[in-house]
């Protein structure tokens, strides 16, 4: 894991969905200068508001959800994204990309990269 490795001396480009239950503040501080690129699927950013069964790809667990659960998820996700953005920008840069979005144009659009 990144917390167990020697502290890097240069800038670290970290590509992640950012949804792991980690101490993100501690991790990003440990990396010193970081460019955090968070990549999420459109359905993770804006799930449909109807009832459904969700299955965790990693664990196989299933969960029935409805409108109330989706709204609570969206509120929690927005707060989490805001927190990650604040922490990452203190230590470097942050970008949020959607799965399938071209990386370079997305990073240019969000000011993480500059054309020269």
C-alpha atoms as a PDB file:
ATOM      1  CA  UNK A   1       0.000   0.000   0.000  1.00  0.00           C
ATOM      2  CA  UNK A   2       1.109   3.578  -0.632  1.00  0.00           C
ATOM      3  CA  UNK A   3       1.257   4.445   3.067  1.00  0.00           C
ATOM      4  CA  UNK A   4       3.894   1.758   3.647  1.00  0.00           C
ATOM      5  CA  UNK A   5       6.275   2.853   0.870  1.00  0.00           C
ATOM      6  CA  UNK A   6       9.012   5.463   1.209  1.00  0.00           C
ATOM      7  CA  UNK A   7       7.742   8.990   0.720  1.00  0.00           C
ATOM      8  CA  UNK A   8       8.218   9.983  -2.949  1.00  0.00           C
ATOM      9  CA  UNK A   9      10.308  13.024  -3.799  1.00  0.00           C
ATOM     10  CA  UNK A  10       8.511  14.086  -6.993  1.00  0.00           C
ATOM     11  CA  UNK A  11       4.955  14.633  -8.113  1.00  0.00           C
ATOM     12  CA  UNK A  12       2.697  11.562  -7.962  1.00  0.00           C
ATOM     13  CA  UNK A  13      -0.139  11.021 -10.435  1.00  0.00           C
ATOM     14  CA  UNK A  14      -2.804   9.015  -8.600  1.00  0.00           C
ATOM     15  CA  UNK A  15      -5.639   7.544 -10.710  1.00  0.00           C
ATOM     16  CA  UNK A  16      -8.466   6.219  -8.543  1.00  0.00           C
ATOM     17  CA  UNK A  17     -12.203   6.071  -8.117  1.00  0.00           C
ATOM     18  CA  UNK A  18     -11.555   7.514  -4.657  1.00  0.00           C
ATOM     19  CA  UNK A  19     -14.319   5.433  -3.126  1.00  0.00           C
ATOM     20  CA  UNK A  20     -12.142   3.278  -0.877  1.00  0.00           C
ATOM     21  CA  UNK A  21     -12.563   3.838   2.840  1.00  0.00           C
ATOM     22  CA  UNK A  22      -9.108   5.329   3.398  1.00  0.00           C
ATOM     23  CA  UNK A  23      -7.688   8.209   5.364  1.00  0.00           C
ATOM     24  CA  UNK A  24      -7.384  10.251   2.167  1.00  0.00           C
ATOM     25  CA  UNK A  25      -5.955  13.260   3.968  1.00  0.00           C
ATOM     26  CA  UNK A  26      -3.119  11.179   5.437  1.00  0.00           C
ATOM     27  CA  UNK A  27      -2.455   9.357   2.173  1.00  0.00           C
ATOM     28  CA  UNK A  28      -2.346  12.491   0.023  1.00  0.00           C
ATOM     29  CA  UNK A  29      -0.197  14.335   2.559  1.00  0.00           C
ATOM     30  CA  UNK A  30       2.229  11.415   2.538  1.00  0.00           C
ATOM     31  CA  UNK A  31       2.533  11.652  -1.242  1.00  0.00           C
ATOM     32  CA  UNK A  32       3.609  15.330  -0.902  1.00  0.00           C
ATOM     33  CA  UNK A  33       2.878  16.714  -4.352  1.00  0.00           C
ATOM     34  CA  UNK A  34      -0.019  14.876  -5.892  1.00  0.00           C
ATOM     35  CA  UNK A  35      -2.210  15.077  -8.951  1.00  0.00           C
ATOM     36  CA  UNK A  36      -5.360  13.197  -7.951  1.00  0.00           C
ATOM     37  CA  UNK A  37      -7.428  12.098 -10.934  1.00  0.00           C
ATOM     38  CA  UNK A  38     -10.688  10.603  -9.762  1.00  0.00           C
ATOM     39  CA  UNK A  39     -12.439   8.458 -12.373  1.00  0.00           C
ATOM     40  CA  UNK A  40     -16.077   7.490 -11.876  1.00  0.00           C
ATOM     41  CA  UNK A  41     -18.717   5.869 -14.052  1.00  0.00           C
ATOM     42  CA  UNK A  42     -21.668   8.064 -15.045  1.00  0.00           C
ATOM     43  CA  UNK A  43     -23.976   5.756 -13.044  1.00  0.00           C
ATOM     44  CA  UNK A  44     -21.821   6.332  -9.935  1.00  0.00           C
ATOM     45  CA  UNK A  45     -22.150  10.095 -10.336  1.00  0.00           C
ATOM     46  CA  UNK A  46     -25.863  10.138 -11.168  1.00  0.00           C
ATOM     47  CA  UNK A  47     -27.602   6.829 -10.478  1.00  0.00           C
ATOM     48  CA  UNK A  48     -31.182   6.431 -11.697  1.00  0.00           C
ATOM     49  CA  UNK A  49     -33.755   7.345  -9.062  1.00  0.00           C
ATOM     50  CA  UNK A  50     -35.905   4.234  -9.440  1.00  0.00           C
ATOM     51  CA  UNK A  51     -35.858   1.096  -7.340  1.00  0.00           C
ATOM     52  CA  UNK A  52     -33.214  -1.468  -8.165  1.00  0.00           C
ATOM     53  CA  UNK A  53     -30.958  -4.194  -6.866  1.00  0.00           C
ATOM     54  CA  UNK A  54     -27.298  -3.221  -6.815  1.00  0.00           C
ATOM     55  CA  UNK A  55     -24.488  -5.752  -6.796  1.00  0.00           C
ATOM     56  CA  UNK A  56     -20.972  -4.955  -5.584  1.00  0.00           C
ATOM     57  CA  UNK A  57     -18.555  -6.087  -8.281  1.00  0.00           C
ATOM     58  CA  UNK A  58     -15.778  -6.687  -5.755  1.00  0.00           C
ATOM     59  CA  UNK A  59     -17.684  -8.518  -3.000  1.00  0.00           C
ATOM     60  CA  UNK A  60     -20.766  -9.858  -4.784  1.00  0.00           C
ATOM     61  CA  UNK A  61     -22.993  -8.354  -2.084  1.00  0.00           C
ATOM     62  CA  UNK A  62     -26.476  -7.218  -3.141  1.00  0.00           C
ATOM     63  CA  UNK A  63     -28.528  -4.296  -1.893  1.00  0.00           C
ATOM     64  CA  UNK A  64     -32.060  -3.183  -2.701  1.00  0.00           C
ATOM     65  CA  UNK A  65     -32.296   0.579  -3.130  1.00  0.00           C
ATOM     66  CA  UNK A  66     -35.021   3.104  -3.769  1.00  0.00           C
ATOM     67  CA  UNK A  67     -35.334   6.859  -4.136  1.00  0.00           C
ATOM     68  CA  UNK A  68     -34.390   7.656  -0.505  1.00  0.00           C
ATOM     69  CA  UNK A  69     -31.208   5.572  -0.654  1.00  0.00           C
ATOM     70  CA  UNK A  70     -30.170   7.095  -3.990  1.00  0.00           C
ATOM     71  CA  UNK A  71     -30.707  10.631  -2.673  1.00  0.00           C
ATOM     72  CA  UNK A  72     -28.696   9.834   0.491  1.00  0.00           C
ATOM     73  CA  UNK A  73     -25.942   8.337  -1.682  1.00  0.00           C
ATOM     74  CA  UNK A  74     -25.817  11.435  -3.885  1.00  0.00           C
ATOM     75  CA  UNK A  75     -25.573  13.731  -0.855  1.00  0.00           C
ATOM     76  CA  UNK A  76     -22.783  11.634   0.680  1.00  0.00           C
ATOM     77  CA  UNK A  77     -20.940  11.365  -2.667  1.00  0.00           C
ATOM     78  CA  UNK A  78     -21.057  15.137  -3.229  1.00  0.00           C
ATOM     79  CA  UNK A  79     -19.595  15.737   0.248  1.00  0.00           C
ATOM     80  CA  UNK A  80     -16.889  13.107  -0.332  1.00  0.00           C
ATOM     81  CA  UNK A  81     -15.931  14.545  -3.742  1.00  0.00           C
ATOM     82  CA  UNK A  82     -15.752  18.045  -2.257  1.00  0.00           C
ATOM     83  CA  UNK A  83     -13.483  16.815   0.573  1.00  0.00           C
ATOM     84  CA  UNK A  84     -11.123  14.990  -1.801  1.00  0.00           C
ATOM     85  CA  UNK A  85     -10.952  18.018  -4.088  1.00  0.00           C
ATOM     86  CA  UNK A  86     -10.055  20.358  -1.209  1.00  0.00           C
ATOM     87  CA  UNK A  87      -7.376  18.017   0.173  1.00  0.00           C
ATOM     88  CA  UNK A  88      -5.838  17.303  -3.258  1.00  0.00           C
ATOM     89  CA  UNK A  89      -5.769  20.955  -4.285  1.00  0.00           C
ATOM     90  CA  UNK A  90      -3.943  21.856  -1.070  1.00  0.00           C
ATOM     91  CA  UNK A  91      -1.182  19.443  -2.057  1.00  0.00           C
ATOM     92  CA  UNK A  92      -1.286  19.716  -5.839  1.00  0.00           C
ATOM     93  CA  UNK A  93      -4.124  19.256  -8.316  1.00  0.00           C
ATOM     94  CA  UNK A  94      -7.455  17.477  -8.657  1.00  0.00           C
ATOM     95  CA  UNK A  95      -9.600  16.397 -11.584  1.00  0.00           C
ATOM     96  CA  UNK A  96     -12.802  14.397 -11.829  1.00  0.00           C
ATOM     97  CA  UNK A  97     -13.217  12.383 -15.024  1.00  0.00           C
ATOM     98  CA  UNK A  98     -15.965  10.077 -16.179  1.00  0.00           C
ATOM     99  CA  UNK A  99     -15.174   6.557 -17.384  1.00  0.00           C
ATOM    100  CA  UNK A 100     -14.625   6.762 -21.128  1.00  0.00           C
ATOM    101  CA  UNK A 101     -13.815  10.485 -21.100  1.00  0.00           C
ATOM    102  CA  UNK A 102     -10.590  11.267 -22.968  1.00  0.00           C
ATOM    103  CA  UNK A 103      -7.947  11.883 -20.287  1.00  0.00           C
ATOM    104  CA  UNK A 104      -5.798  14.630 -21.811  1.00  0.00           C
ATOM    105  CA  UNK A 105      -8.711  16.861 -22.944  1.00  0.00           C
ATOM    106  CA  UNK A 106     -10.369  16.356 -19.545  1.00  0.00           C
ATOM    107  CA  UNK A 107      -7.233  17.378 -17.644  1.00  0.00           C
ATOM    108  CA  UNK A 108      -6.721  20.380 -19.949  1.00  0.00           C
ATOM    109  CA  UNK A 109     -10.355  21.462 -19.487  1.00  0.00           C
ATOM    110  CA  UNK A 110     -10.029  21.288 -15.691  1.00  0.00           C
ATOM    111  CA  UNK A 111      -6.740  23.186 -15.625  1.00  0.00           C
ATOM    112  CA  UNK A 112      -4.643  20.266 -14.375  1.00  0.00           C
ATOM    113  CA  UNK A 113      -2.564  20.307 -17.580  1.00  0.00           C
ATOM    114  CA  UNK A 114      -1.548  23.275 -19.698  1.00  0.00           C
ATOM    115  CA  UNK A 115      -0.847  23.294 -23.418  1.00  0.00           C
ATOM    116  CA  UNK A 116       2.594  24.574 -24.408  1.00  0.00           C
END
